[in-house]
């Protein structure tokens, strides 16, 4: 194989592996690349989560971070859900299966609080 052919194979493998890594799913923390339909979107802007979001139990929840800094959506109830979202990025997480109100916060900015309502 020529040097050019070996380089082409290496580039093709890197592209294929990168695409495979970006298509994660089924975890409590996901990032851009997921094709799972979401029930609602939590939009982060100006260091705020906005109004409470209501979703069905076990639904996929999208997070759109419109701020330039990284934020998280982390449940106040340990282990219920968490996702870190890079500045100007997107992510998803799975809502809890038990109905109720789930307050959440940003682990990076303690003044940020929001509410997820699971029906």
PDB file of N, CA and C in Angstrom:
ATOM      1  N   UNK A   1       0.853  -1.172   0.000  1.00  0.00           N
ATOM      2  CA  UNK A   1       0.000   0.000   0.000  1.00  0.00           C
ATOM      3  C   UNK A   1       0.898   1.234   0.000  1.00  0.00           C
ATOM      4  N   UNK A   2       0.517   2.218  -0.774  1.00  0.00           N
ATOM      5  CA  UNK A   2       1.297   3.459  -0.839  1.00  0.00           C
ATOM      6  C   UNK A   2       1.073   4.288   0.416  1.00  0.00           C
ATOM      7  N   UNK A   3       1.967   5.282   0.609  1.00  0.00           N
ATOM      8  CA  UNK A   3       1.790   6.183   1.747  1.00  0.00           C
ATOM      9  C   UNK A   3       0.454   6.897   1.661  1.00  0.00           C
ATOM     10  N   UNK A   4       0.069   7.301   0.434  1.00  0.00           N
ATOM     11  CA  UNK A   4      -1.203   7.991   0.260  1.00  0.00           C
ATOM     12  C   UNK A   4      -2.365   7.066   0.618  1.00  0.00           C
ATOM     13  N   UNK A   5      -2.294   5.818   0.208  1.00  0.00           N
ATOM     14  CA  UNK A   5      -3.356   4.858   0.509  1.00  0.00           C
ATOM     15  C   UNK A   5      -3.464   4.617   2.004  1.00  0.00           C
ATOM     16  N   UNK A   6      -2.339   4.475   2.687  1.00  0.00           N
ATOM     17  CA  UNK A   6      -2.347   4.264   4.136  1.00  0.00           C
ATOM     18  C   UNK A   6      -2.918   5.482   4.852  1.00  0.00           C
ATOM     19  N   UNK A   7      -2.573   6.670   4.385  1.00  0.00           N
ATOM     20  CA  UNK A   7      -3.100   7.890   4.982  1.00  0.00           C
ATOM     21  C   UNK A   7      -4.610   7.967   4.784  1.00  0.00           C
ATOM     22  N   UNK A   8      -5.095   7.629   3.600  1.00  0.00           N
ATOM     23  CA  UNK A   8      -6.528   7.652   3.311  1.00  0.00           C
ATOM     24  C   UNK A   8      -7.271   6.682   4.244  1.00  0.00           C
ATOM     25  N   UNK A   9      -6.745   5.492   4.441  1.00  0.00           N
ATOM     26  CA  UNK A   9      -7.374   4.507   5.331  1.00  0.00           C
ATOM     27  C   UNK A   9      -7.396   5.042   6.761  1.00  0.00           C
ATOM     28  N   UNK A  10      -6.298   5.640   7.222  1.00  0.00           N
ATOM     29  CA  UNK A  10      -6.239   6.178   8.583  1.00  0.00           C
ATOM     30  C   UNK A  10      -7.254   7.294   8.778  1.00  0.00           C
ATOM     31  N   UNK A  11      -7.377   8.193   7.811  1.00  0.00           N
ATOM     32  CA  UNK A  11      -8.353   9.286   7.911  1.00  0.00           C
ATOM     33  C   UNK A  11      -9.764   8.721   7.923  1.00  0.00           C
ATOM     34  N   UNK A  12     -10.052   7.774   7.056  1.00  0.00           N
ATOM     35  CA  UNK A  12     -11.385   7.174   6.988  1.00  0.00           C
ATOM     36  C   UNK A  12     -11.739   6.501   8.314  1.00  0.00           C
ATOM     37  N   UNK A  13     -10.809   5.771   8.929  1.00  0.00           N
ATOM     38  CA  UNK A  13     -11.058   5.122  10.214  1.00  0.00           C
ATOM     39  C   UNK A  13     -11.317   6.141  11.312  1.00  0.00           C
ATOM     40  N   UNK A  14     -10.579   7.260  11.319  1.00  0.00           N
ATOM     41  CA  UNK A  14     -10.791   8.289  12.334  1.00  0.00           C
ATOM     42  C   UNK A  14     -12.181   8.893  12.197  1.00  0.00           C
ATOM     43  N   UNK A  15     -12.609   9.148  10.969  1.00  0.00           N
ATOM     44  CA  UNK A  15     -13.942   9.707  10.737  1.00  0.00           C
ATOM     45  C   UNK A  15     -15.008   8.718  11.206  1.00  0.00           C
ATOM     46  N   UNK A  16     -14.862   7.455  10.875  1.00  0.00           N
ATOM     47  CA  UNK A  16     -15.836   6.439  11.258  1.00  0.00           C
ATOM     48  C   UNK A  16     -15.909   6.288  12.777  1.00  0.00           C
ATOM     49  N   UNK A  17     -14.768   6.269  13.446  1.00  0.00           N
ATOM     50  CA  UNK A  17     -14.761   6.140  14.900  1.00  0.00           C
ATOM     51  C   UNK A  17     -15.344   7.374  15.574  1.00  0.00           C
ATOM     52  N   UNK A  18     -15.058   8.548  15.053  1.00  0.00           N
ATOM     53  CA  UNK A  18     -15.612   9.782  15.622  1.00  0.00           C
ATOM     54  C   UNK A  18     -17.126   9.786  15.493  1.00  0.00           C
ATOM     55  N   UNK A  19     -17.649   9.381  14.369  1.00  0.00           N
ATOM     56  CA  UNK A  19     -19.100   9.337  14.174  1.00  0.00           C
ATOM     57  C   UNK A  19     -19.735   8.328  15.116  1.00  0.00           C
ATOM     58  N   UNK A  20     -19.109   7.194  15.318  1.00  0.00           N
ATOM     59  CA  UNK A  20     -19.653   6.175  16.219  1.00  0.00           C
ATOM     60  C   UNK A  20     -19.659   6.651  17.658  1.00  0.00           C
ATOM     61  N   UNK A  21     -18.644   7.376  18.068  1.00  0.00           N
ATOM     62  CA  UNK A  21     -18.581   7.876  19.446  1.00  0.00           C
ATOM     63  C   UNK A  21     -19.625   8.952  19.704  1.00  0.00           C
ATOM     64  N   UNK A  22     -19.993   9.721  18.707  1.00  0.00           N
ATOM     65  CA  UNK A  22     -20.959  10.799  18.883  1.00  0.00           C
ATOM     66  C   UNK A  22     -22.392  10.330  18.966  1.00  0.00           C
ATOM     67  N   UNK A  23     -22.670   9.065  18.667  1.00  0.00           N
ATOM     68  CA  UNK A  23     -24.039   8.569  18.638  1.00  0.00           C
ATOM     69  C   UNK A  23     -24.353   7.769  19.881  1.00  0.00           C
ATOM     70  N   UNK A  24     -24.113   8.349  21.037  1.00  0.00           N
ATOM     71  CA  UNK A  24     -24.405   7.646  22.280  1.00  0.00           C
ATOM     72  C   UNK A  24     -25.890   7.706  22.559  1.00  0.00           C
ATOM     73  N   UNK A  25     -26.364   6.785  23.399  1.00  0.00           N
ATOM     74  CA  UNK A  25     -27.774   6.807  23.749  1.00  0.00           C
ATOM     75  C   UNK A  25     -28.048   5.938  24.941  1.00  0.00           C
ATOM     76  N   UNK A  26     -29.162   6.197  25.610  1.00  0.00           N
ATOM     77  CA  UNK A  26     -29.611   5.351  26.694  1.00  0.00           C
ATOM     78  C   UNK A  26     -29.013   5.663  28.050  1.00  0.00           C
ATOM     79  N   UNK A  27     -28.120   6.593  28.162  1.00  0.00           N
ATOM     80  CA  UNK A  27     -27.534   6.898  29.462  1.00  0.00           C
ATOM     81  C   UNK A  27     -28.212   8.116  30.063  1.00  0.00           C
ATOM     82  N   UNK A  28     -27.843   8.418  31.304  1.00  0.00           N
ATOM     83  CA  UNK A  28     -28.417   9.604  31.922  1.00  0.00           C
ATOM     84  C   UNK A  28     -27.688  10.862  31.482  1.00  0.00           C
ATOM     85  N   UNK A  29     -26.622  10.706  30.750  1.00  0.00           N
ATOM     86  CA  UNK A  29     -25.899  11.877  30.249  1.00  0.00           C
ATOM     87  C   UNK A  29     -25.546  11.638  28.803  1.00  0.00           C
ATOM     88  N   UNK A  30     -26.010  12.496  27.924  1.00  0.00           N
ATOM     89  CA  UNK A  30     -25.725  12.386  26.506  1.00  0.00           C
ATOM     90  C   UNK A  30     -25.318  13.748  25.975  1.00  0.00           C
ATOM     91  N   UNK A  31     -24.720  13.738  24.811  1.00  0.00           N
ATOM     92  CA  UNK A  31     -24.299  14.986  24.191  1.00  0.00           C
ATOM     93  C   UNK A  31     -24.792  15.023  22.755  1.00  0.00           C
ATOM     94  N   UNK A  32     -24.466  16.066  22.047  1.00  0.00           N
ATOM     95  CA  UNK A  32     -24.904  16.235  20.667  1.00  0.00           C
ATOM     96  C   UNK A  32     -24.612  14.971  19.878  1.00  0.00           C
ATOM     97  N   UNK A  33     -25.494  14.634  18.955  1.00  0.00           N
ATOM     98  CA  UNK A  33     -25.329  13.438  18.138  1.00  0.00           C
ATOM     99  C   UNK A  33     -26.434  12.437  18.403  1.00  0.00           C
ATOM    100  N   UNK A  34     -27.186  12.597  19.456  1.00  0.00           N
ATOM    101  CA  UNK A  34     -28.278  11.693  19.751  1.00  0.00           C
ATOM    102  C   UNK A  34     -29.446  11.975  18.820  1.00  0.00           C
ATOM    103  N   UNK A  35     -30.103  10.917  18.334  1.00  0.00           N
ATOM    104  CA  UNK A  35     -31.241  11.089  17.445  1.00  0.00           C
ATOM    105  C   UNK A  35     -32.548  10.746  18.145  1.00  0.00           C
ATOM    106  N   UNK A  36     -32.524  10.509  19.450  1.00  0.00           N
ATOM    107  CA  UNK A  36     -33.715  10.183  20.210  1.00  0.00           C
ATOM    108  C   UNK A  36     -34.628  11.404  20.286  1.00  0.00           C
ATOM    109  N   UNK A  37     -35.942  11.177  20.051  1.00  0.00           N
ATOM    110  CA  UNK A  37     -36.906  12.283  20.148  1.00  0.00           C
ATOM    111  C   UNK A  37     -36.983  12.752  21.596  1.00  0.00           C
ATOM    112  N   UNK A  38     -37.100  14.055  21.771  1.00  0.00           N
ATOM    113  CA  UNK A  38     -37.176  14.613  23.118  1.00  0.00           C
ATOM    114  C   UNK A  38     -38.570  15.154  23.379  1.00  0.00           C
ATOM    115  N   UNK A  39     -38.972  15.119  24.665  1.00  0.00           N
ATOM    116  CA  UNK A  39     -40.297  15.571  25.064  1.00  0.00           C
ATOM    117  C   UNK A  39     -40.339  17.074  25.292  1.00  0.00           C
ATOM    118  N   UNK A  40     -39.234  17.664  25.700  1.00  0.00           N
ATOM    119  CA  UNK A  40     -39.172  19.100  25.997  1.00  0.00           C
ATOM    120  C   UNK A  40     -37.713  19.524  26.000  1.00  0.00           C
ATOM    121  N   UNK A  41     -37.512  20.846  25.982  1.00  0.00           N
ATOM    122  CA  UNK A  41     -36.158  21.391  26.001  1.00  0.00           C
ATOM    123  C   UNK A  41     -36.016  22.389  27.140  1.00  0.00           C
ATOM    124  N   UNK A  42     -34.973  22.207  27.940  1.00  0.00           N
ATOM    125  CA  UNK A  42     -34.572  23.194  28.932  1.00  0.00           C
ATOM    126  C   UNK A  42     -33.570  24.100  28.228  1.00  0.00           C
ATOM    127  N   UNK A  43     -33.892  25.385  28.147  1.00  0.00           N
ATOM    128  CA  UNK A  43     -33.012  26.327  27.471  1.00  0.00           C
ATOM    129  C   UNK A  43     -32.304  27.187  28.513  1.00  0.00           C
ATOM    130  N   UNK A  44     -30.982  27.153  28.478  1.00  0.00           N
ATOM    131  CA  UNK A  44     -30.163  27.951  29.387  1.00  0.00           C
ATOM    132  C   UNK A  44     -29.737  29.211  28.642  1.00  0.00           C
ATOM    133  N   UNK A  45     -30.052  30.371  29.230  1.00  0.00           N
ATOM    134  CA  UNK A  45     -29.665  31.649  28.626  1.00  0.00           C
ATOM    135  C   UNK A  45     -29.487  32.676  29.735  1.00  0.00           C
ATOM    136  N   UNK A  46     -28.463  33.482  29.611  1.00  0.00           N
ATOM    137  CA  UNK A  46     -28.190  34.544  30.590  1.00  0.00           C
ATOM    138  C   UNK A  46     -28.135  34.003  32.011  1.00  0.00           C
ATOM    139  N   UNK A  47     -27.451  32.869  32.171  1.00  0.00           N
ATOM    140  CA  UNK A  47     -27.243  32.245  33.490  1.00  0.00           C
ATOM    141  C   UNK A  47     -28.573  31.882  34.165  1.00  0.00           C
ATOM    142  N   UNK A  48     -29.570  31.447  33.372  1.00  0.00           N
ATOM    143  CA  UNK A  48     -30.882  31.090  33.901  1.00  0.00           C
ATOM    144  C   UNK A  48     -31.455  29.912  33.116  1.00  0.00           C
ATOM    145  N   UNK A  49     -32.244  29.078  33.805  1.00  0.00           N
ATOM    146  CA  UNK A  49     -32.914  27.946  33.167  1.00  0.00           C
ATOM    147  C   UNK A  49     -34.285  28.305  32.612  1.00  0.00           C
ATOM    148  N   UNK A  50     -34.825  29.435  32.984  1.00  0.00           N
ATOM    149  CA  UNK A  50     -36.151  29.807  32.509  1.00  0.00           C
ATOM    150  C   UNK A  50     -37.252  29.137  33.317  1.00  0.00           C
ATOM    151  N   UNK A  51     -38.431  29.050  32.720  1.00  0.00           N
ATOM    152  CA  UNK A  51     -39.617  28.499  33.381  1.00  0.00           C
ATOM    153  C   UNK A  51     -39.495  26.988  33.583  1.00  0.00           C
ATOM    154  N   UNK A  52     -40.231  26.421  34.569  1.00  0.00           N
ATOM    155  CA  UNK A  52     -40.239  24.965  34.756  1.00  0.00           C
ATOM    156  C   UNK A  52     -40.690  24.245  33.483  1.00  0.00           C
ATOM    157  N   UNK A  53     -40.172  23.038  33.295  1.00  0.00           N
ATOM    158  CA  UNK A  53     -40.485  22.215  32.128  1.00  0.00           C
ATOM    159  C   UNK A  53     -41.210  20.968  32.618  1.00  0.00           C
ATOM    160  N   UNK A  54     -42.313  20.599  31.928  1.00  0.00           N
ATOM    161  CA  UNK A  54     -43.082  19.413  32.280  1.00  0.00           C
ATOM    162  C   UNK A  54     -42.901  18.350  31.201  1.00  0.00           C
ATOM    163  N   UNK A  55     -42.596  17.114  31.634  1.00  0.00           N
ATOM    164  CA  UNK A  55     -42.387  15.995  30.714  1.00  0.00           C
ATOM    165  C   UNK A  55     -43.037  14.733  31.276  1.00  0.00           C
ATOM    166  N   UNK A  56     -43.329  13.758  30.419  1.00  0.00           N
ATOM    167  CA  UNK A  56     -43.809  12.460  30.920  1.00  0.00           C
ATOM    168  C   UNK A  56     -42.679  11.696  31.601  1.00  0.00           C
ATOM    169  N   UNK A  57     -43.029  10.758  32.458  1.00  0.00           N
ATOM    170  CA  UNK A  57     -42.008   9.966  33.150  1.00  0.00           C
ATOM    171  C   UNK A  57     -41.156   9.198  32.139  1.00  0.00           C
ATOM    172  N   UNK A  58     -39.853   9.169  32.396  1.00  0.00           N
ATOM    173  CA  UNK A  58     -38.913   8.444  31.547  1.00  0.00           C
ATOM    174  C   UNK A  58     -38.618   9.077  30.202  1.00  0.00           C
ATOM    175  N   UNK A  59     -39.122  10.289  29.948  1.00  0.00           N
ATOM    176  CA  UNK A  59     -38.927  10.952  28.657  1.00  0.00           C
ATOM    177  C   UNK A  59     -37.501  11.465  28.504  1.00  0.00           C
ATOM    178  N   UNK A  60     -37.086  11.646  27.266  1.00  0.00           N
ATOM    179  CA  UNK A  60     -35.817  12.287  26.966  1.00  0.00           C
ATOM    180  C   UNK A  60     -36.019  13.796  27.029  1.00  0.00           C
ATOM    181  N   UNK A  61     -35.145  14.479  27.749  1.00  0.00           N
ATOM    182  CA  UNK A  61     -35.207  15.924  27.911  1.00  0.00           C
ATOM    183  C   UNK A  61     -33.969  16.520  27.246  1.00  0.00           C
ATOM    184  N   UNK A  62     -34.192  17.453  26.336  1.00  0.00           N
ATOM    185  CA  UNK A  62     -33.081  18.136  25.668  1.00  0.00           C
ATOM    186  C   UNK A  62     -32.650  19.338  26.499  1.00  0.00           C
ATOM    187  N   UNK A  63     -31.379  19.676  26.400  1.00  0.00           N
ATOM    188  CA  UNK A  63     -30.840  20.876  27.048  1.00  0.00           C
ATOM    189  C   UNK A  63     -30.090  21.667  25.984  1.00  0.00           C
ATOM    190  N   UNK A  64     -30.479  22.934  25.830  1.00  0.00           N
ATOM    191  CA  UNK A  64     -29.797  23.844  24.909  1.00  0.00           C
ATOM    192  C   UNK A  64     -29.121  24.921  25.746  1.00  0.00           C
ATOM    193  N   UNK A  65     -27.809  24.941  25.720  1.00  0.00           N
ATOM    194  CA  UNK A  65     -27.046  25.938  26.476  1.00  0.00           C
ATOM    195  C   UNK A  65     -26.675  27.083  25.539  1.00  0.00           C
ATOM    196  N   UNK A  66     -27.370  28.200  25.669  1.00  0.00           N
ATOM    197  CA  UNK A  66     -27.100  29.360  24.829  1.00  0.00           C
ATOM    198  C   UNK A  66     -26.051  30.300  25.422  1.00  0.00           C
ATOM    199  N   UNK A  67     -25.521  29.966  26.591  1.00  0.00           N
ATOM    200  CA  UNK A  67     -24.460  30.754  27.213  1.00  0.00           C
ATOM    201  C   UNK A  67     -23.103  30.273  26.710  1.00  0.00           C
ATOM    202  N   UNK A  68     -22.085  31.134  26.738  1.00  0.00           N
ATOM    203  CA  UNK A  68     -20.760  30.716  26.284  1.00  0.00           C
ATOM    204  C   UNK A  68     -20.034  29.809  27.285  1.00  0.00           C
ATOM    205  N   UNK A  69     -20.482  29.761  28.543  1.00  0.00           N
ATOM    206  CA  UNK A  69     -19.807  28.927  29.533  1.00  0.00           C
ATOM    207  C   UNK A  69     -20.538  27.597  29.747  1.00  0.00           C
ATOM    208  N   UNK A  70     -19.789  26.601  30.204  1.00  0.00           N
ATOM    209  CA  UNK A  70     -20.351  25.286  30.488  1.00  0.00           C
ATOM    210  C   UNK A  70     -21.319  25.371  31.665  1.00  0.00           C
ATOM    211  N   UNK A  71     -22.414  24.613  31.574  1.00  0.00           N
ATOM    212  CA  UNK A  71     -23.389  24.507  32.652  1.00  0.00           C
ATOM    213  C   UNK A  71     -23.735  23.038  32.832  1.00  0.00           C
ATOM    214  N   UNK A  72     -24.416  22.750  33.941  1.00  0.00           N
ATOM    215  CA  UNK A  72     -24.975  21.410  34.126  1.00  0.00           C
ATOM    216  C   UNK A  72     -26.437  21.549  34.489  1.00  0.00           C
ATOM    217  N   UNK A  73     -27.167  20.470  34.262  1.00  0.00           N
ATOM    218  CA  UNK A  73     -28.527  20.319  34.772  1.00  0.00           C
ATOM    219  C   UNK A  73     -28.430  19.108  35.684  1.00  0.00           C
ATOM    220  N   UNK A  74     -28.356  19.363  36.988  1.00  0.00           N
ATOM    221  CA  UNK A  74     -28.100  18.323  37.977  1.00  0.00           C
ATOM    222  C   UNK A  74     -29.208  18.326  39.015  1.00  0.00           C
ATOM    223  N   UNK A  75     -29.884  17.188  39.134  1.00  0.00           N
ATOM    224  CA  UNK A  75     -30.984  17.071  40.081  1.00  0.00           C
ATOM    225  C   UNK A  75     -30.505  17.307  41.507  1.00  0.00           C
ATOM    226  N   UNK A  76     -31.335  17.989  42.308  1.00  0.00           N
ATOM    227  CA  UNK A  76     -31.025  18.151  43.727  1.00  0.00           C
ATOM    228  C   UNK A  76     -31.117  16.811  44.456  1.00  0.00           C
ATOM    229  N   UNK A  77     -31.914  15.885  43.928  1.00  0.00           N
ATOM    230  CA  UNK A  77     -32.000  14.519  44.472  1.00  0.00           C
ATOM    231  C   UNK A  77     -30.863  13.710  43.856  1.00  0.00           C
ATOM    232  N   UNK A  78     -29.944  13.273  44.671  1.00  0.00           N
ATOM    233  CA  UNK A  78     -28.743  12.581  44.187  1.00  0.00           C
ATOM    234  C   UNK A  78     -29.094  11.428  43.253  1.00  0.00           C
ATOM    235  N   UNK A  79     -28.469  11.441  42.075  1.00  0.00           N
ATOM    236  CA  UNK A  79     -28.596  10.341  41.132  1.00  0.00           C
ATOM    237  C   UNK A  79     -29.827  10.350  40.245  1.00  0.00           C
ATOM    238  N   UNK A  80     -30.726  11.323  40.393  1.00  0.00           N
ATOM    239  CA  UNK A  80     -31.948  11.325  39.576  1.00  0.00           C
ATOM    240  C   UNK A  80     -31.633  11.646  38.109  1.00  0.00           C
ATOM    241  N   UNK A  81     -30.801  12.645  37.857  1.00  0.00           N
ATOM    242  CA  UNK A  81     -30.351  12.972  36.502  1.00  0.00           C
ATOM    243  C   UNK A  81     -29.249  14.022  36.586  1.00  0.00           C
ATOM    244  N   UNK A  82     -28.403  14.024  35.582  1.00  0.00           N
ATOM    245  CA  UNK A  82     -27.384  15.058  35.437  1.00  0.00           C
ATOM    246  C   UNK A  82     -26.873  15.042  34.009  1.00  0.00           C
ATOM    247  N   UNK A  83     -26.560  16.205  33.514  1.00  0.00           N
ATOM    248  CA  UNK A  83     -25.910  16.331  32.215  1.00  0.00           C
ATOM    249  C   UNK A  83     -25.084  17.615  32.241  1.00  0.00           C
ATOM    250  N   UNK A  84     -23.858  17.543  31.756  1.00  0.00           N
ATOM    251  CA  UNK A  84     -22.992  18.710  31.579  1.00  0.00           C
ATOM    252  C   UNK A  84     -23.099  19.124  30.119  1.00  0.00           C
ATOM    253  N   UNK A  85     -23.253  20.426  29.881  1.00  0.00           N
ATOM    254  CA  UNK A  85     -23.409  20.915  28.510  1.00  0.00           C
ATOM    255  C   UNK A  85     -22.403  22.036  28.273  1.00  0.00           C
ATOM    256  N   UNK A  86     -21.528  21.843  27.305  1.00  0.00           N
ATOM    257  CA  UNK A  86     -20.536  22.855  26.956  1.00  0.00           C
ATOM    258  C   UNK A  86     -21.213  24.155  26.550  1.00  0.00           C
ATOM    259  N   UNK A  87     -20.476  25.249  26.625  1.00  0.00           N
ATOM    260  CA  UNK A  87     -20.990  26.532  26.183  1.00  0.00           C
ATOM    261  C   UNK A  87     -21.469  26.461  24.747  1.00  0.00           C
ATOM    262  N   UNK A  88     -22.652  27.019  24.498  1.00  0.00           N
ATOM    263  CA  UNK A  88     -23.281  27.002  23.172  1.00  0.00           C
ATOM    264  C   UNK A  88     -23.473  25.582  22.648  1.00  0.00           C
ATOM    265  N   UNK A  89     -23.681  24.632  23.567  1.00  0.00           N
ATOM    266  CA  UNK A  89     -23.848  23.234  23.184  1.00  0.00           C
ATOM    267  C   UNK A  89     -25.219  22.685  23.533  1.00  0.00           C
ATOM    268  N   UNK A  90     -25.374  21.406  23.256  1.00  0.00           N
ATOM    269  CA  UNK A  90     -26.629  20.703  23.505  1.00  0.00           C
ATOM    270  C   UNK A  90     -26.353  19.367  24.180  1.00  0.00           C
ATOM    271  N   UNK A  91     -27.337  18.872  24.903  1.00  0.00           N
ATOM    272  CA  UNK A  91     -27.251  17.560  25.530  1.00  0.00           C
ATOM    273  C   UNK A  91     -28.643  17.039  25.807  1.00  0.00           C
ATOM    274  N   UNK A  92     -28.733  15.813  26.293  1.00  0.00           N
ATOM    275  CA  UNK A  92     -30.012  15.221  26.677  1.00  0.00           C
ATOM    276  C   UNK A  92     -29.821  14.387  27.925  1.00  0.00           C
ATOM    277  N   UNK A  93     -30.920  14.147  28.630  1.00  0.00           N
ATOM    278  CA  UNK A  93     -30.921  13.222  29.749  1.00  0.00           C
ATOM    279  C   UNK A  93     -32.299  12.595  29.840  1.00  0.00           C
ATOM    280  N   UNK A  94     -32.398  11.528  30.608  1.00  0.00           N
ATOM    281  CA  UNK A  94     -33.652  10.825  30.797  1.00  0.00           C
ATOM    282  C   UNK A  94     -34.312  11.291  32.083  1.00  0.00           C
ATOM    283  N   UNK A  95     -35.570  11.710  31.979  1.00  0.00           N
ATOM    284  CA  UNK A  95     -36.323  12.146  33.157  1.00  0.00           C
ATOM    285  C   UNK A  95     -36.581  10.946  34.064  1.00  0.00           C
ATOM    286  N   UNK A  96     -36.709  11.186  35.360  1.00  0.00           N
ATOM    287  CA  UNK A  96     -37.033  10.093  36.290  1.00  0.00           C
ATOM    288  C   UNK A  96     -38.357   9.419  35.918  1.00  0.00           C
ATOM    289  N   UNK A  97     -38.525   8.179  36.338  1.00  0.00           N
ATOM    290  CA  UNK A  97     -39.760   7.449  36.033  1.00  0.00           C
ATOM    291  C   UNK A  97     -40.872   7.766  37.029  1.00  0.00           C
ATOM    292  N   UNK A  98     -40.528   8.248  38.213  1.00  0.00           N
ATOM    293  CA  UNK A  98     -41.536   8.582  39.225  1.00  0.00           C
ATOM    294  C   UNK A  98     -42.047  10.008  39.014  1.00  0.00           C
ATOM    295  N   UNK A  99     -43.367  10.201  38.937  1.00  0.00           N
ATOM    296  CA  UNK A  99     -43.909  11.556  38.805  1.00  0.00           C
ATOM    297  C   UNK A  99     -43.542  12.416  40.016  1.00  0.00           C
ATOM    298  N   UNK A 100     -43.456  13.720  39.786  1.00  0.00           N
ATOM    299  CA  UNK A 100     -43.163  14.653  40.872  1.00  0.00           C
ATOM    300  C   UNK A 100     -42.409  15.856  40.372  1.00  0.00           C
ATOM    301  N   UNK A 101     -42.065  16.729  41.306  1.00  0.00           N
ATOM    302  CA  UNK A 101     -41.280  17.919  40.999  1.00  0.00           C
ATOM    303  C   UNK A 101     -39.827  17.649  41.361  1.00  0.00           C
ATOM    304  N   UNK A 102     -38.935  17.941  40.428  1.00  0.00           N
ATOM    305  CA  UNK A 102     -37.509  17.691  40.609  1.00  0.00           C
ATOM    306  C   UNK A 102     -36.721  18.992  40.462  1.00  0.00           C
ATOM    307  N   UNK A 103     -36.406  19.632  41.583  1.00  0.00           N
ATOM    308  CA  UNK A 103     -35.555  20.819  41.498  1.00  0.00           C
ATOM    309  C   UNK A 103     -34.160  20.412  41.017  1.00  0.00           C
ATOM    310  N   UNK A 104     -33.525  21.299  40.261  1.00  0.00           N
ATOM    311  CA  UNK A 104     -32.167  21.028  39.802  1.00  0.00           C
ATOM    312  C   UNK A 104     -31.334  22.294  39.870  1.00  0.00           C
ATOM    313  N   UNK A 105     -30.034  22.136  39.690  1.00  0.00           N
ATOM    314  CA  UNK A 105     -29.090  23.244  39.806  1.00  0.00           C
ATOM    315  C   UNK A 105     -27.933  23.049  38.837  1.00  0.00           C
ATOM    316  N   UNK A 106     -27.095  24.065  38.748  1.00  0.00           N
ATOM    317  CA  UNK A 106     -25.862  23.993  37.975  1.00  0.00           C
ATOM    318  C   UNK A 106     -24.712  23.763  38.947  1.00  0.00           C
ATOM    319  N   UNK A 107     -23.947  22.716  38.713  1.00  0.00           N
ATOM    320  CA  UNK A 107     -22.823  22.427  39.610  1.00  0.00           C
ATOM    321  C   UNK A 107     -21.711  23.466  39.489  1.00  0.00           C
ATOM    322  N   UNK A 108     -21.667  24.198  38.378  1.00  0.00           N
ATOM    323  CA  UNK A 108     -20.623  25.195  38.159  1.00  0.00           C
ATOM    324  C   UNK A 108     -21.020  26.580  38.673  1.00  0.00           C
ATOM    325  N   UNK A 109     -22.330  26.832  38.754  1.00  0.00           N
ATOM    326  CA  UNK A 109     -22.847  28.157  39.138  1.00  0.00           C
ATOM    327  C   UNK A 109     -23.957  27.960  40.176  1.00  0.00           C
ATOM    328  N   UNK A 110     -23.605  27.960  41.465  1.00  0.00           N
ATOM    329  CA  UNK A 110     -24.555  27.622  42.548  1.00  0.00           C
ATOM    330  C   UNK A 110     -25.798  28.504  42.600  1.00  0.00           C
ATOM    331  N   UNK A 111     -25.793  29.673  41.975  1.00  0.00           N
ATOM    332  CA  UNK A 111     -26.977  30.533  42.011  1.00  0.00           C
ATOM    333  C   UNK A 111     -28.043  30.113  40.990  1.00  0.00           C
ATOM    334  N   UNK A 112     -27.709  29.192  40.099  1.00  0.00           N
ATOM    335  CA  UNK A 112     -28.652  28.757  39.061  1.00  0.00           C
ATOM    336  C   UNK A 112     -29.505  27.592  39.561  1.00  0.00           C
ATOM    337  N   UNK A 113     -30.836  27.769  39.499  1.00  0.00           N
ATOM    338  CA  UNK A 113     -31.770  26.719  39.917  1.00  0.00           C
ATOM    339  C   UNK A 113     -32.924  26.643  38.926  1.00  0.00           C
ATOM    340  N   UNK A 114     -33.461  25.443  38.751  1.00  0.00           N
ATOM    341  CA  UNK A 114     -34.601  25.241  37.864  1.00  0.00           C
ATOM    342  C   UNK A 114     -35.491  24.134  38.403  1.00  0.00           C
ATOM    343  N   UNK A 115     -36.566  23.821  37.647  1.00  0.00           N
ATOM    344  CA  UNK A 115     -37.511  22.802  38.073  1.00  0.00           C
ATOM    345  C   UNK A 115     -37.939  21.955  36.877  1.00  0.00           C
ATOM    346  N   UNK A 116     -37.865  20.642  37.049  1.00  0.00           N
ATOM    347  CA  UNK A 116     -38.391  19.682  36.089  1.00  0.00           C
ATOM    348  C   UNK A 116     -39.614  19.045  36.722  1.00  0.00           C
ATOM    349  N   UNK A 117     -40.741  19.078  36.041  1.00  0.00           N
ATOM    350  CA  UNK A 117     -41.969  18.456  36.535  1.00  0.00           C
ATOM    351  C   UNK A 117     -42.225  17.210  35.701  1.00  0.00           C
ATOM    352  N   UNK A 118     -42.276  16.054  36.369  1.00  0.00           N
ATOM    353  CA  UNK A 118     -42.518  14.781  35.705  1.00  0.00           C
ATOM    354  C   UNK A 118     -43.960  14.382  35.965  1.00  0.00           C
ATOM    355  N   UNK A 119     -44.727  14.186  34.890  1.00  0.00           N
ATOM    356  CA  UNK A 119     -46.151  13.856  35.050  1.00  0.00           C
ATOM    357  C   UNK A 119     -46.404  12.357  34.884  1.00  0.00           C
TER     358      UNK A 119
END
